[in-house]
Amino acid sequence: MSTPMYAVGVVLVLVTLVIALATPFVLVHYRIPYEHGPECWWCHPHLLPRRRRAR
């Protein structure tokens, strides 16, 4: 097996593992009966800081 094929295989296994481990947490999160608002980083990710509007 060549090195690129091995690397692709390792990446696919890691992605599959992450998806399999994250699935229960995602399902539980979306079954929460109450609205958890904009503070929820999962539903409302804040990847970049918000700029303040100039008045």
N, C-alpha and C. Protein backbone atom coordinates (compact mmCIF):
# COMPACT_ATOMS: atom_id res chain seq x y z
N MET A 1 0.85 -1.17 0.00
CA MET A 1 0.00 0.00 0.00
C MET A 1 0.90 1.24 0.00
N SER A 2 0.52 2.20 -0.83
CA SER A 2 1.35 3.40 -0.92
C SER A 2 1.03 4.37 0.22
N THR A 3 1.90 5.30 0.41
CA THR A 3 1.74 6.27 1.49
C THR A 3 0.49 7.13 1.33
N PRO A 4 0.18 7.65 0.14
CA PRO A 4 -1.05 8.45 0.01
C PRO A 4 -2.32 7.63 0.31
N MET A 5 -2.34 6.37 -0.10
CA MET A 5 -3.50 5.52 0.18
C MET A 5 -3.63 5.30 1.69
N TYR A 6 -2.52 5.10 2.36
CA TYR A 6 -2.52 4.92 3.81
C TYR A 6 -3.03 6.19 4.50
N ALA A 7 -2.55 7.34 4.06
CA ALA A 7 -2.97 8.61 4.67
C ALA A 7 -4.46 8.85 4.47
N VAL A 8 -4.97 8.56 3.29
CA VAL A 8 -6.40 8.72 3.02
C VAL A 8 -7.20 7.77 3.90
N GLY A 9 -6.74 6.56 4.06
CA GLY A 9 -7.42 5.60 4.91
C GLY A 9 -7.46 6.04 6.36
N VAL A 10 -6.35 6.56 6.86
CA VAL A 10 -6.30 7.04 8.24
C VAL A 10 -7.25 8.22 8.43
N VAL A 11 -7.28 9.14 7.48
CA VAL A 11 -8.18 10.29 7.58
C VAL A 11 -9.63 9.83 7.58
N LEU A 12 -9.98 8.89 6.71
CA LEU A 12 -11.35 8.38 6.67
C LEU A 12 -11.74 7.69 7.96
N VAL A 13 -10.84 6.93 8.53
CA VAL A 13 -11.12 6.26 9.80
C VAL A 13 -11.32 7.30 10.91
N LEU A 14 -10.49 8.32 10.96
CA LEU A 14 -10.63 9.35 11.98
C LEU A 14 -11.94 10.12 11.84
N VAL A 15 -12.31 10.45 10.61
CA VAL A 15 -13.57 11.16 10.38
C VAL A 15 -14.75 10.30 10.80
N THR A 16 -14.71 9.02 10.44
CA THR A 16 -15.79 8.10 10.82
C THR A 16 -15.88 7.98 12.34
N LEU A 17 -14.76 7.91 13.01
CA LEU A 17 -14.74 7.81 14.46
C LEU A 17 -15.33 9.06 15.12
N VAL A 18 -14.95 10.22 14.63
CA VAL A 18 -15.48 11.47 15.17
C VAL A 18 -16.99 11.55 14.96
N ILE A 19 -17.46 11.18 13.79
CA ILE A 19 -18.90 11.22 13.51
C ILE A 19 -19.64 10.24 14.42
N ALA A 20 -19.11 9.05 14.58
CA ALA A 20 -19.76 8.04 15.41
C ALA A 20 -19.82 8.48 16.88
N LEU A 21 -18.78 9.14 17.36
CA LEU A 21 -18.77 9.58 18.75
C LEU A 21 -19.63 10.83 18.97
N ALA A 22 -19.75 11.68 17.96
CA ALA A 22 -20.51 12.92 18.11
C ALA A 22 -22.01 12.73 17.93
N THR A 23 -22.43 11.69 17.23
CA THR A 23 -23.85 11.50 16.93
C THR A 23 -24.74 11.48 18.17
N PRO A 24 -24.44 10.73 19.22
CA PRO A 24 -25.32 10.75 20.39
C PRO A 24 -25.46 12.14 21.02
N PHE A 25 -24.38 12.90 21.06
CA PHE A 25 -24.43 14.24 21.64
C PHE A 25 -25.30 15.17 20.80
N VAL A 26 -25.21 15.04 19.49
CA VAL A 26 -26.03 15.86 18.60
C VAL A 26 -27.51 15.52 18.78
N LEU A 27 -27.83 14.25 18.84
CA LEU A 27 -29.22 13.84 19.01
C LEU A 27 -29.79 14.31 20.34
N VAL A 28 -29.03 14.20 21.40
CA VAL A 28 -29.51 14.65 22.71
C VAL A 28 -29.70 16.16 22.70
N HIS A 29 -28.78 16.87 22.10
CA HIS A 29 -28.86 18.33 22.08
C HIS A 29 -30.12 18.80 21.36
N TYR A 30 -30.44 18.20 20.23
CA TYR A 30 -31.59 18.65 19.46
C TYR A 30 -32.91 18.13 20.01
N ARG A 31 -32.89 17.24 20.99
CA ARG A 31 -34.13 16.78 21.62
C ARG A 31 -34.44 17.55 22.90
N ILE A 32 -33.62 18.52 23.24
CA ILE A 32 -33.90 19.35 24.41
C ILE A 32 -35.20 20.11 24.13
N PRO A 33 -36.19 19.99 25.02
CA PRO A 33 -37.51 20.55 24.71
C PRO A 33 -37.61 22.07 24.80
N TYR A 34 -36.69 22.73 25.46
CA TYR A 34 -36.80 24.18 25.61
C TYR A 34 -35.84 24.89 24.65
N GLU A 35 -36.17 26.11 24.34
CA GLU A 35 -35.31 26.93 23.48
C GLU A 35 -34.14 27.43 24.32
N HIS A 36 -32.94 27.12 23.91
CA HIS A 36 -31.77 27.49 24.71
C HIS A 36 -31.11 28.77 24.23
N GLY A 37 -31.71 29.44 23.30
CA GLY A 37 -31.33 30.81 22.96
C GLY A 37 -30.02 30.99 22.23
N PRO A 38 -29.66 32.24 22.00
CA PRO A 38 -28.46 32.55 21.22
C PRO A 38 -27.16 32.27 21.96
N GLU A 39 -27.22 31.94 23.25
CA GLU A 39 -26.00 31.62 23.98
C GLU A 39 -25.48 30.24 23.63
N CYS A 40 -26.30 29.44 22.98
CA CYS A 40 -25.91 28.07 22.64
C CYS A 40 -24.86 28.11 21.52
N TRP A 41 -23.65 27.72 21.84
CA TRP A 41 -22.58 27.78 20.85
C TRP A 41 -22.78 26.76 19.75
N TRP A 42 -23.55 25.71 20.02
CA TRP A 42 -23.77 24.67 19.03
C TRP A 42 -24.73 25.16 17.95
N CYS A 43 -25.83 25.79 18.38
CA CYS A 43 -26.84 26.27 17.43
C CYS A 43 -26.46 27.61 16.81
N HIS A 44 -25.75 28.41 17.56
CA HIS A 44 -25.40 29.76 17.12
C HIS A 44 -23.90 29.96 17.30
N PRO A 45 -23.08 29.35 16.43
CA PRO A 45 -21.63 29.46 16.62
C PRO A 45 -21.14 30.89 16.39
N HIS A 46 -20.25 31.33 17.23
CA HIS A 46 -19.65 32.65 17.10
C HIS A 46 -18.17 32.44 16.78
N LEU A 47 -17.90 32.22 15.52
CA LEU A 47 -16.53 31.93 15.12
C LEU A 47 -15.69 33.20 15.08
N LEU A 48 -16.32 34.30 14.71
CA LEU A 48 -15.61 35.56 14.67
C LEU A 48 -16.28 36.53 15.64
N PRO A 49 -15.50 37.37 16.29
CA PRO A 49 -16.12 38.34 17.19
C PRO A 49 -16.98 39.33 16.40
N ARG A 50 -18.09 39.71 17.00
CA ARG A 50 -18.99 40.64 16.32
C ARG A 50 -18.45 42.06 16.45
N ARG A 51 -18.57 42.78 15.35
CA ARG A 51 -18.16 44.18 15.38
C ARG A 51 -19.28 45.02 15.96
N ARG A 52 -18.91 46.00 16.72
CA ARG A 52 -19.92 46.92 17.26
C ARG A 52 -20.31 47.91 16.18
N ARG A 53 -21.58 48.21 16.14
CA ARG A 53 -22.06 49.18 15.15
C ARG A 53 -21.71 50.60 15.60
N ALA A 54 -21.23 51.38 14.66
CA ALA A 54 -20.93 52.78 14.95
C ALA A 54 -22.23 53.58 14.98
N ARG A 55 -22.34 54.44 15.94
CA ARG A 55 -23.56 55.26 16.04
C ARG A 55 -23.28 56.67 15.66
